[in-house]
Amino acid sequence: MKKYNIQLTFLSLLAAVLMVACGDDFVEVDPINENSEDFFNSEEDYQDALVGAYDLLQATYLNVMVGEIASDNTLAGGESATDTPGIQEIDNMTHTPVNQQLRDIWGWMFAGVNRANYILEFQDKIDFSGKDQIIAQARFLRAYYYFELVKWFGDVPLAVDQRLLFGDQFNVDRTPRTEVYAQIEQDLIFAAETLPATQAEEGRITSGAARALLGKAYLYQDKFTEAASALDQVIAGPYDLVDDYSTIFELEGENNIESVFEVQYTDKEGAGFGCLQCSEGNVAVGFNGIRNYSGPLFDSGFSFNVPVQEAYDAFEPGDSRRDIAILNIEEFAAANGATYNEGYEHTGFYNRKYIARKGDANLGDANLTNPNNYRSIRFADVLLMAAEAHNRKANPNDALAREYLNRVRRRAFGDTDHDIAASGATLTDFIYDERRLELVGEGHRFFDLVRTGRAAQNIPGFTPNKNELFPIPTIEIQLAGNRWEQNQGYTN
């Protein structure tokens, strides 16, 4: 499923107040008459609606990029200190409830929830062979979007098998995250038990993807025994590490044996800044790109999300991942006759995993139509999550935790000389460090630091008991009649 169709006019979702992030004037819009009598009358209708639910996955480019900038791995970068102020604020931990990027994340993720719920609201309208597969994919997608929402905002309105429509904001409250997680677990268990291990169409959700996300949701709740069980089932197959780490983030490395779940992007359609979430390309790739670059291999970009020296130096000598994950632009330019401009907060480094490569169609605005897929859940990530779960559960299995950890390290170093032999808390620290090195640039670091209680000691400007969560957008609280409490530490 390399291409999602975003032009799905049958999805009359404008009425979902909590999902829209396109301006305040929608407060004045009259409710839309929601009538689905002429839809969900065939298998094709359900499949079309499912494509619409997949579509919002492409908007998670912002979650990935901003989540990385919020961590200690990268700086905001860009052209200047005022280039996209919301991103600069998140980098400095000075973001407020009127931050546009946070409002976009809230709105786009609720759009995904609503599109999944649109299918589930009418799941019993007709019957046909294979409908359970559609329902299972819709439930995974609902869980995926809700997982993003609880990661970023904590307690959020929970809608199950019904859309949030215009007017609902007056009687919908924030649901405790424990209840949201419980629904996420139910959805993912159903998807894991219903979906096949492999799919004929690339990008479709599998049972392994559902179990991997379930294990991750358990891990975020410190349910280590449950996480270990779910993740062990993923490790049992059919996934494996690719032999050559350097191929993973190239075009030929998409949807490979290490890919448990991948967000599909394409350069088949143009895009513009008027509707970034409408792009079929990976917008983050252009934002991460080298400023005014001219030379081999790469295309130019906007120089956001630039890795810091400390992240580059964290790699041990002999670790083959460093120069694949982080591009030393000064060394590369000198060796290849390339030129570029230094952007704001220039560090000398770029996120090589997700910067623009030469060779795509560059339709519309070239910086918005890069086809690089986002490797949302990689097998290496699963191994490291399972290692942590086995190490931290009530009855630890450090031998298995070391086995999983060292599988990742052996690929990085090409030998067993760098295997870790530690146990207990020392092993925990090694696993944490390995997650940073293996997954740098992929948007996981901030949330790993928060869930393990290490954010304040690692992220400059991080305020404990505040920055663990991001603020609820002010407009959403106002639309709910100012009934919702803001997250701790923030003022509307």
Protein backbone atom coordinates (compact mmCIF):
# COMPACT_ATOMS: atom_id res chain seq x y z
CA MET A 1 0.00 0.00 0.00
CA LYS A 2 2.57 2.51 -1.16
CA LYS A 3 0.00 5.20 -1.85
CA TYR A 4 -2.93 6.30 0.27
CA ASN A 5 -5.75 8.15 -1.47
CA ILE A 6 -6.33 11.37 0.41
CA GLN A 7 -9.11 12.64 -1.85
CA LEU A 8 -11.93 10.66 -0.21
CA THR A 9 -14.89 12.97 -0.46
CA PHE A 10 -17.22 10.43 1.08
CA LEU A 11 -15.49 10.96 4.41
CA SER A 12 -17.61 13.83 5.71
CA LEU A 13 -15.40 14.41 8.71
CA LEU A 14 -15.41 18.20 8.82
CA ALA A 15 -17.93 18.05 11.62
CA ALA A 16 -15.46 16.46 14.02
CA VAL A 17 -14.53 19.54 16.05
CA LEU A 18 -11.82 17.77 17.98
CA MET A 19 -10.05 16.54 14.89
CA VAL A 20 -9.70 19.69 12.80
CA ALA A 21 -6.64 21.94 12.96
CA CYS A 22 -7.12 24.31 10.05
CA GLY A 23 -8.17 27.58 11.69
CA ASP A 24 -10.52 28.91 14.31
CA ASP A 25 -13.32 29.94 11.97
CA PHE A 26 -14.71 26.41 11.97
CA VAL A 27 -16.30 27.26 15.33
CA GLU A 28 -18.97 29.08 13.33
CA VAL A 29 -19.66 26.20 10.92
CA ASP A 30 -23.17 24.73 11.04
CA PRO A 31 -23.36 21.01 11.81
CA ILE A 32 -23.21 18.77 8.79
CA ASN A 33 -26.05 16.32 8.27
CA GLU A 34 -24.29 12.97 8.69
CA ASN A 35 -26.13 10.45 6.52
CA SER A 36 -24.44 7.15 5.70
CA GLU A 37 -27.46 5.42 4.16
CA ASP A 38 -25.77 5.67 0.75
CA PHE A 39 -22.45 4.34 2.01
CA PHE A 40 -21.17 1.10 3.55
CA ASN A 41 -23.37 -0.84 1.18
CA SER A 42 -20.58 -2.90 -0.39
CA GLU A 43 -17.18 -4.34 0.38
CA GLU A 44 -15.66 -1.64 -1.83
CA ASP A 45 -17.16 1.06 0.42
CA TYR A 46 -15.51 -0.48 3.47
CA GLN A 47 -12.19 -0.85 1.68
CA ASP A 48 -12.32 2.79 0.54
CA ALA A 49 -13.06 3.94 4.08
CA LEU A 50 -10.14 1.85 5.33
CA VAL A 51 -7.79 3.58 2.89
CA GLY A 52 -9.02 6.84 4.38
CA ALA A 53 -8.16 5.60 7.87
CA TYR A 54 -4.66 4.61 6.74
CA ASP A 55 -4.23 8.02 5.15
CA LEU A 56 -3.65 9.94 8.39
CA LEU A 57 -0.60 7.80 9.11
CA GLN A 58 1.23 10.05 6.67
CA ALA A 59 0.54 13.04 8.94
CA THR A 60 2.62 11.39 11.68
CA TYR A 61 5.72 12.80 9.99
CA LEU A 62 5.26 15.71 12.42
CA ASN A 63 5.12 13.46 15.49
CA VAL A 64 8.41 11.87 14.45
CA MET A 65 10.28 15.07 13.65
CA VAL A 66 9.07 17.11 16.62
CA GLY A 67 9.44 14.14 18.97
CA GLU A 68 13.11 13.91 18.01
CA ILE A 69 13.65 17.66 18.39
CA ALA A 70 12.10 17.52 21.88
CA SER A 71 14.81 15.05 22.93
CA ASP A 72 18.53 15.52 23.57
CA ASN A 73 19.41 14.02 20.17
CA THR A 74 18.82 17.09 18.00
CA LEU A 75 18.25 20.84 17.88
CA ALA A 76 15.42 22.54 16.04
CA GLY A 77 17.66 24.17 13.43
CA GLY A 78 15.95 25.78 10.43
CA GLU A 79 16.80 29.15 8.92
CA SER A 80 16.64 31.31 12.03
CA ALA A 81 15.44 31.47 15.63
CA THR A 82 12.01 32.50 14.33
CA ASP A 83 11.72 29.82 11.66
CA THR A 84 8.56 27.85 12.60
CA PRO A 85 8.38 29.20 16.18
CA GLY A 86 6.41 26.25 17.50
CA ILE A 87 9.23 23.86 16.70
CA GLN A 88 11.79 26.20 18.27
CA GLU A 89 9.68 26.38 21.44
CA ILE A 90 9.44 22.61 21.75
CA ASP A 91 13.21 22.34 21.34
CA ASN A 92 13.66 24.85 24.18
CA MET A 93 10.89 23.29 26.32
CA THR A 94 9.08 26.65 26.31
CA HIS A 95 6.03 25.48 24.36
CA THR A 96 2.59 26.68 25.38
CA PRO A 97 -1.03 25.62 24.71
CA VAL A 98 -1.17 27.83 21.60
CA ASN A 99 1.69 25.98 19.88
CA GLN A 100 0.60 25.31 16.29
CA GLN A 101 2.55 22.08 15.85
CA LEU A 102 1.01 20.58 18.99
CA ARG A 103 -2.42 21.58 17.77
CA ASP A 104 -1.67 19.89 14.44
CA ILE A 105 -0.64 16.67 16.17
CA TRP A 106 -3.82 16.72 18.28
CA GLY A 107 -6.04 17.45 15.29
CA TRP A 108 -4.47 15.05 12.83
CA MET A 109 -4.39 12.14 15.27
CA PHE A 110 -8.05 12.67 16.15
CA ALA A 111 -8.76 12.77 12.43
CA GLY A 112 -7.24 9.30 12.25
CA VAL A 113 -9.33 8.15 15.21
CA ASN A 114 -12.49 9.47 13.57
CA ARG A 115 -11.77 7.80 10.26
CA ALA A 116 -11.22 4.45 11.97
CA ASN A 117 -14.34 4.93 14.07
CA TYR A 118 -16.33 5.78 10.94
CA ILE A 119 -15.80 2.19 9.78
CA LEU A 120 -16.42 0.69 13.21
CA GLU A 121 -19.60 2.71 13.71
CA PHE A 122 -21.09 0.90 10.71
CA GLN A 123 -19.27 -2.41 11.07
CA ASP A 124 -22.53 -4.37 11.35
CA LYS A 125 -24.41 -2.71 8.47
CA ILE A 126 -23.76 -5.48 5.95
CA ASP A 127 -21.83 -8.74 5.93
CA PHE A 128 -19.32 -10.12 3.43
CA SER A 129 -16.37 -12.47 3.39
CA GLY A 130 -13.22 -10.88 4.82
CA LYS A 131 -14.95 -8.07 6.67
CA ASP A 132 -13.23 -9.16 9.89
CA GLN A 133 -9.90 -8.26 8.23
CA ILE A 134 -11.10 -4.72 7.57
CA ILE A 135 -12.42 -4.36 11.11
CA ALA A 136 -9.13 -5.63 12.56
CA GLN A 137 -7.11 -3.12 10.53
CA ALA A 138 -9.44 -0.30 11.58
CA ARG A 139 -9.03 -1.26 15.23
CA PHE A 140 -5.24 -1.31 14.88
CA LEU A 141 -5.32 2.14 13.32
CA ARG A 142 -7.55 3.50 16.08
CA ALA A 143 -5.10 2.07 18.62
CA TYR A 144 -2.13 3.57 16.75
CA TYR A 145 -3.61 7.07 16.72
CA TYR A 146 -4.72 6.86 20.34
CA PHE A 147 -1.28 5.64 21.37
CA GLU A 148 0.20 8.76 19.81
CA LEU A 149 -2.36 10.93 21.61
CA VAL A 150 -1.72 9.48 25.09
CA LYS A 151 2.05 9.69 24.54
CA TRP A 152 1.80 13.39 23.77
CA PHE A 153 -1.15 14.59 25.86
CA GLY A 154 -2.06 12.00 28.52
CA ASP A 155 -5.80 11.96 29.22
CA VAL A 156 -7.76 12.48 25.99
CA PRO A 157 -11.40 12.07 24.91
CA LEU A 158 -12.06 8.41 24.16
CA ALA A 159 -14.53 7.52 21.42
CA VAL A 160 -15.24 3.85 20.72
CA ASP A 161 -17.07 2.76 17.58
CA GLN A 162 -18.53 6.21 17.02
CA ARG A 163 -17.24 9.45 15.59
CA LEU A 164 -16.75 12.66 17.50
CA LEU A 165 -19.14 14.97 15.67
CA PHE A 166 -19.88 18.66 15.75
CA GLY A 167 -21.63 19.44 19.05
CA ASP A 168 -20.07 16.54 20.94
CA GLN A 169 -17.44 18.86 22.36
CA PHE A 170 -20.02 20.11 24.88
CA ASN A 171 -20.45 16.73 26.56
CA VAL A 172 -17.21 14.85 25.84
CA ASP A 173 -14.63 14.82 28.62
CA ARG A 174 -11.01 13.75 28.78
CA THR A 175 -10.73 10.07 29.61
CA PRO A 176 -8.03 8.88 32.05
CA ARG A 177 -5.12 7.50 30.10
CA THR A 178 -5.44 4.15 31.91
CA GLU A 179 -8.83 3.69 30.23
CA VAL A 180 -7.47 4.80 26.88
CA TYR A 181 -4.64 2.28 27.21
CA ALA A 182 -7.16 -0.42 28.10
CA GLN A 183 -8.99 0.26 24.82
CA ILE A 184 -5.69 0.31 22.92
CA GLU A 185 -4.89 -3.11 24.36
CA GLN A 186 -8.31 -4.52 23.42
CA ASP A 187 -8.02 -3.24 19.87
CA LEU A 188 -4.52 -4.61 19.38
CA ILE A 189 -5.32 -8.01 20.88
CA PHE A 190 -8.27 -8.30 18.47
CA ALA A 191 -6.08 -7.24 15.53
CA ALA A 192 -3.29 -9.66 16.51
CA GLU A 193 -5.72 -12.57 16.75
CA THR A 194 -7.52 -11.72 13.50
CA LEU A 195 -4.90 -10.54 11.00
CA PRO A 196 -2.48 -12.77 9.06
CA ALA A 197 1.27 -12.88 9.68
CA THR A 198 1.97 -11.52 6.20
CA GLN A 199 0.02 -9.39 3.74
CA ALA A 200 0.15 -9.42 -0.05
CA GLU A 201 -0.03 -5.62 -0.21
CA GLU A 202 2.88 -3.66 1.23
CA GLY A 203 1.99 -1.43 4.14
CA ARG A 204 -1.02 -3.43 5.30
CA ILE A 205 -1.16 -4.25 8.99
CA THR A 206 -0.18 -7.75 10.11
CA SER A 207 -0.60 -9.73 13.31
CA GLY A 208 3.07 -9.07 14.04
CA ALA A 209 2.58 -5.31 13.79
CA ALA A 210 -0.37 -5.52 16.18
CA ARG A 211 1.61 -7.59 18.73
CA ALA A 212 4.59 -5.26 18.45
CA LEU A 213 2.49 -2.17 19.14
CA LEU A 214 0.71 -4.04 21.93
CA GLY A 215 4.07 -4.85 23.50
CA LYS A 216 5.09 -1.22 23.19
CA ALA A 217 1.84 -0.05 24.82
CA TYR A 218 2.47 -2.46 27.69
CA LEU A 219 6.05 -1.20 28.03
CA TYR A 220 4.85 2.40 28.29
CA GLN A 221 2.68 1.34 31.22
CA ASP A 222 5.48 -0.62 32.95
CA LYS A 223 3.59 -3.86 32.31
CA PHE A 224 6.84 -5.67 31.67
CA THR A 225 5.63 -9.28 31.91
CA GLU A 226 2.84 -8.63 29.41
CA ALA A 227 5.22 -6.70 27.15
CA ALA A 228 7.75 -9.53 27.16
CA SER A 229 5.08 -12.07 26.21
CA ALA A 230 3.71 -10.01 23.32
CA LEU A 231 7.14 -9.09 21.96
CA ASP A 232 8.48 -12.66 22.20
CA GLN A 233 5.73 -13.72 19.81
CA VAL A 234 6.92 -11.12 17.29
CA ILE A 235 10.52 -12.27 17.68
CA ALA A 236 9.44 -15.83 16.89
CA GLY A 237 8.92 -14.79 13.25
CA PRO A 238 8.70 -14.05 10.39
CA TYR A 239 10.95 -11.01 11.04
CA ASP A 240 14.72 -10.76 11.31
CA LEU A 241 17.50 -8.19 11.23
CA VAL A 242 18.78 -7.33 7.77
CA ASP A 243 22.46 -8.06 7.39
CA ASP A 244 23.48 -4.60 6.22
CA TYR A 245 22.30 -1.72 8.41
CA SER A 246 23.26 0.78 5.71
CA THR A 247 20.46 -0.41 3.42
CA ILE A 248 17.55 -0.01 5.84
CA PHE A 249 16.76 3.65 5.17
CA GLU A 250 17.33 3.61 1.41
CA LEU A 251 14.60 3.06 -1.17
CA GLU A 252 15.65 -0.55 -1.69
CA GLY A 253 15.39 -1.13 2.06
CA GLU A 254 11.70 -0.33 2.33
CA ASN A 255 9.34 -3.04 3.57
CA ASN A 256 12.17 -5.50 4.16
CA ILE A 257 12.33 -8.43 6.58
CA GLU A 258 13.14 -6.06 9.46
CA SER A 259 10.07 -3.90 8.84
CA VAL A 260 7.32 -4.81 11.29
CA PHE A 261 5.24 -1.75 10.43
CA GLU A 262 6.07 0.97 7.95
CA VAL A 263 4.22 4.17 7.03
CA GLN A 264 4.08 4.34 3.25
CA TYR A 265 4.98 7.53 1.36
CA THR A 266 5.13 8.30 -2.34
CA ASP A 267 6.29 11.03 -4.74
CA LYS A 268 3.44 10.38 -7.18
CA GLU A 269 1.54 13.57 -6.27
CA GLY A 270 2.64 17.13 -5.63
CA ALA A 271 2.12 19.02 -2.38
CA GLY A 272 2.21 22.52 -0.94
CA PHE A 273 2.42 24.33 2.37
CA GLY A 274 -1.30 25.10 2.35
CA CYS A 275 -2.08 21.57 3.53
CA LEU A 276 0.99 19.75 4.78
CA GLN A 277 -1.08 16.81 6.04
CA CYS A 278 -2.36 16.38 2.49
CA SER A 279 1.09 15.50 1.16
CA GLU A 280 1.60 11.92 -0.02
CA GLY A 281 5.33 12.45 0.60
CA ASN A 282 7.26 12.41 3.85
CA VAL A 283 7.33 16.11 4.74
CA ALA A 284 9.85 15.58 7.56
CA VAL A 285 12.47 14.44 5.05
CA GLY A 286 12.48 17.83 3.33
CA PHE A 287 12.50 19.66 6.64
CA ASN A 288 15.49 17.56 7.78
CA GLY A 289 17.41 18.16 4.55
CA ILE A 290 20.71 19.96 4.00
CA ARG A 291 20.22 23.70 3.49
CA ASN A 292 20.93 24.90 -0.09
CA TYR A 293 22.82 21.70 -0.82
CA SER A 294 24.51 20.98 -4.15
CA GLY A 295 26.34 17.70 -4.60
CA PRO A 296 25.96 13.93 -4.94
CA LEU A 297 23.47 11.54 -3.25
CA PHE A 298 21.26 14.06 -1.48
CA ASP A 299 18.76 16.81 -2.27
CA SER A 300 18.44 20.18 -0.56
CA GLY A 301 16.18 20.87 2.42
CA PHE A 302 15.39 23.21 5.31
CA SER A 303 18.05 22.11 7.88
CA PHE A 304 15.68 21.33 10.78
CA ASN A 305 16.20 18.55 13.32
CA VAL A 306 20.01 18.65 13.32
CA PRO A 307 21.82 16.07 15.51
CA VAL A 308 24.11 17.35 18.23
CA GLN A 309 27.77 16.51 18.75
CA GLU A 310 27.00 14.53 21.90
CA ALA A 311 24.70 12.15 20.00
CA TYR A 312 27.36 11.63 17.33
CA ASP A 313 30.02 10.98 19.97
CA ALA A 314 27.82 8.50 21.86
CA PHE A 315 28.70 5.78 19.36
CA GLU A 316 31.58 3.49 20.34
CA PRO A 317 34.58 3.11 18.04
CA GLY A 318 33.84 0.46 15.43
CA ASP A 319 30.06 0.95 15.54
CA SER A 320 29.00 0.84 11.88
CA ARG A 321 25.73 2.65 12.61
CA ARG A 322 27.12 6.09 13.33
CA ASP A 323 27.83 7.26 9.80
CA ILE A 324 24.63 5.66 8.50
CA ALA A 325 22.48 7.38 11.11
CA ILE A 326 24.23 10.76 11.29
CA LEU A 327 25.77 12.58 8.34
CA ASN A 328 28.91 14.59 9.12
CA ILE A 329 28.23 17.19 6.45
CA GLU A 330 31.59 18.93 6.75
CA GLU A 331 33.55 15.72 6.13
CA PHE A 332 31.15 14.60 3.41
CA ALA A 333 31.23 17.93 1.57
CA ALA A 334 35.02 18.06 1.66
CA ALA A 335 35.32 14.52 0.31
CA ASN A 336 32.67 14.90 -2.41
CA GLY A 337 32.97 18.49 -3.61
CA ALA A 338 29.52 19.37 -2.26
CA THR A 339 28.38 22.81 -1.13
CA TYR A 340 25.73 23.89 1.37
CA ASN A 341 24.75 26.75 3.65
CA GLU A 342 24.90 26.58 7.40
CA GLY A 343 21.46 26.96 8.92
CA TYR A 344 20.45 28.16 12.37
CA GLU A 345 22.07 26.15 15.19
CA HIS A 346 24.35 24.46 12.66
CA THR A 347 26.01 21.49 14.35
CA GLY A 348 27.77 19.99 11.35
CA PHE A 349 25.42 17.00 11.37
CA TYR A 350 22.21 15.87 9.66
CA ASN A 351 19.76 13.04 10.28
CA ARG A 352 20.97 10.81 7.46
CA LYS A 353 18.18 8.29 7.95
CA TYR A 354 15.57 10.79 6.87
CA ILE A 355 17.07 13.41 4.57
CA ALA A 356 16.15 13.81 0.92
CA ARG A 357 17.87 11.52 -1.58
CA LYS A 358 18.28 12.20 -5.26
CA GLY A 359 16.10 10.30 -7.69
CA ASP A 360 12.51 11.00 -6.68
CA ALA A 361 10.01 12.77 -8.90
CA ASN A 362 10.05 16.07 -6.97
CA LEU A 363 6.50 16.95 -7.97
CA GLY A 364 5.05 20.15 -6.57
CA ASP A 365 7.27 21.47 -3.80
CA ALA A 366 10.22 19.08 -3.91
CA ASN A 367 10.79 19.37 -0.17
CA LEU A 368 7.31 18.05 0.60
CA THR A 369 7.09 15.06 -1.73
CA ASN A 370 9.94 12.79 -0.68
CA PRO A 371 8.92 9.13 -0.91
CA ASN A 372 10.98 7.86 2.05
CA ASN A 373 8.85 5.49 4.15
CA TYR A 374 8.87 5.89 7.92
CA ARG A 375 10.03 2.69 9.61
CA SER A 376 7.57 2.96 12.48
CA ILE A 377 8.38 -0.37 14.14
CA ARG A 378 11.60 -2.15 13.22
CA PHE A 379 12.60 -5.64 14.36
CA ALA A 380 15.65 -4.15 16.09
CA ASP A 381 13.27 -1.96 18.12
CA VAL A 382 11.24 -5.05 19.01
CA LEU A 383 14.39 -6.86 20.19
CA LEU A 384 15.40 -3.95 22.39
CA MET A 385 11.89 -3.47 23.82
CA ALA A 386 11.78 -7.20 24.61
CA ALA A 387 15.24 -7.01 26.19
CA GLU A 388 14.07 -4.20 28.44
CA ALA A 389 10.84 -6.00 29.32
CA HIS A 390 12.64 -9.21 30.31
CA ASN A 391 15.23 -7.27 32.29
CA ARG A 392 12.70 -5.12 34.19
CA LYS A 393 9.87 -7.60 34.84
CA ALA A 394 9.18 -8.96 38.33
CA ASN A 395 11.10 -12.18 37.64
CA PRO A 396 13.84 -10.99 35.31
CA ASN A 397 15.28 -13.12 32.55
CA ASP A 398 18.55 -11.30 32.01
CA ALA A 399 19.99 -14.14 29.92
CA LEU A 400 17.25 -13.65 27.30
CA ALA A 401 17.52 -9.87 27.62
CA ARG A 402 21.25 -10.08 26.85
CA GLU A 403 20.57 -12.38 23.90
CA TYR A 404 18.19 -9.87 22.35
CA LEU A 405 20.46 -6.92 23.09
CA ASN A 406 23.53 -8.62 21.66
CA ARG A 407 21.75 -9.60 18.46
CA VAL A 408 21.45 -5.88 17.75
CA ARG A 409 25.02 -5.13 18.79
CA ARG A 410 26.52 -7.95 16.72
CA ARG A 411 25.09 -6.45 13.57
CA ALA A 412 26.44 -3.03 14.56
CA PHE A 413 29.98 -4.25 15.20
CA GLY A 414 30.16 -7.34 12.98
CA ASP A 415 31.46 -9.56 15.77
CA THR A 416 30.78 -10.85 19.29
CA ASP A 417 33.65 -8.93 20.88
CA HIS A 418 31.29 -6.15 21.94
CA ASP A 419 28.67 -8.37 23.58
CA ILE A 420 27.28 -7.14 26.88
CA ALA A 421 27.62 -9.50 29.86
CA ALA A 422 25.99 -7.32 32.53
CA SER A 423 22.91 -8.07 34.63
CA GLY A 424 20.36 -6.15 36.68
CA ALA A 425 20.37 -2.35 36.68
CA THR A 426 23.67 -2.21 34.80
CA LEU A 427 22.11 -4.22 31.98
CA THR A 428 19.11 -1.88 32.03
CA ASP A 429 21.41 1.08 31.38
CA PHE A 430 23.09 -0.74 28.51
CA ILE A 431 19.69 -1.43 26.94
CA TYR A 432 18.70 2.23 27.31
CA ASP A 433 21.95 3.33 25.66
CA GLU A 434 21.51 0.83 22.85
CA ARG A 435 18.02 2.12 22.12
CA ARG A 436 19.42 5.59 21.64
CA LEU A 437 22.15 4.42 19.27
CA GLU A 438 20.02 2.03 17.23
CA LEU A 439 17.01 4.33 16.94
CA VAL A 440 18.57 7.81 16.81
CA GLY A 441 16.67 10.02 14.38
CA GLU A 442 13.53 7.87 14.43
CA GLY A 443 11.46 9.88 16.94
CA HIS A 444 11.55 7.56 19.98
CA ARG A 445 14.15 9.15 22.25
CA PHE A 446 12.02 11.79 24.02
CA PHE A 447 9.33 9.31 24.99
CA ASP A 448 11.90 6.72 26.07
CA LEU A 449 13.46 9.28 28.39
CA VAL A 450 10.08 10.31 29.82
CA ARG A 451 8.73 6.81 30.44
CA THR A 452 11.96 5.73 32.16
CA GLY A 453 12.24 8.85 34.33
CA ARG A 454 15.47 10.12 32.77
CA ALA A 455 14.18 13.16 30.88
CA ALA A 456 15.08 15.85 33.41
CA GLN A 457 18.71 14.76 33.61
CA ASN A 458 19.17 14.57 29.84
CA ILE A 459 16.98 17.20 28.15
CA PRO A 460 18.02 20.86 28.58
CA GLY A 461 15.16 22.98 29.94
CA PHE A 462 13.00 19.99 30.89
CA THR A 463 10.80 20.76 33.92
CA PRO A 464 9.76 17.72 35.98
CA ASN A 465 6.03 17.29 36.65
CA LYS A 466 5.30 19.40 33.59
CA ASN A 467 7.16 18.47 30.43
CA GLU A 468 6.40 14.76 30.66
CA LEU A 469 3.28 15.72 28.71
CA PHE A 470 2.53 18.44 26.20
CA PRO A 471 -0.28 20.96 26.77
CA ILE A 472 -3.80 20.46 25.51
CA PRO A 473 -4.34 23.07 22.76
CA THR A 474 -6.18 26.06 24.22
CA ILE A 475 -8.73 26.11 21.40
CA GLU A 476 -9.79 22.54 22.25
CA ILE A 477 -10.41 23.50 25.89
CA GLN A 478 -12.37 26.56 24.81
CA LEU A 479 -14.46 24.51 22.40
CA ALA A 480 -15.30 22.15 25.25
CA GLY A 481 -16.73 25.08 27.22
CA ASN A 482 -13.59 25.45 29.36
CA ARG A 483 -14.59 22.30 31.26
CA TRP A 484 -11.29 20.48 30.75
CA GLU A 485 -8.33 20.98 33.07
CA GLN A 486 -5.05 21.82 31.38
CA ASN A 487 -2.10 19.46 31.85
CA GLN A 488 -0.01 20.18 34.93
CA GLY A 489 2.34 23.14 34.69
CA TYR A 490 0.71 24.85 31.70
CA THR A 491 -1.55 27.92 31.68
CA ASN A 492 -4.16 28.57 29.01
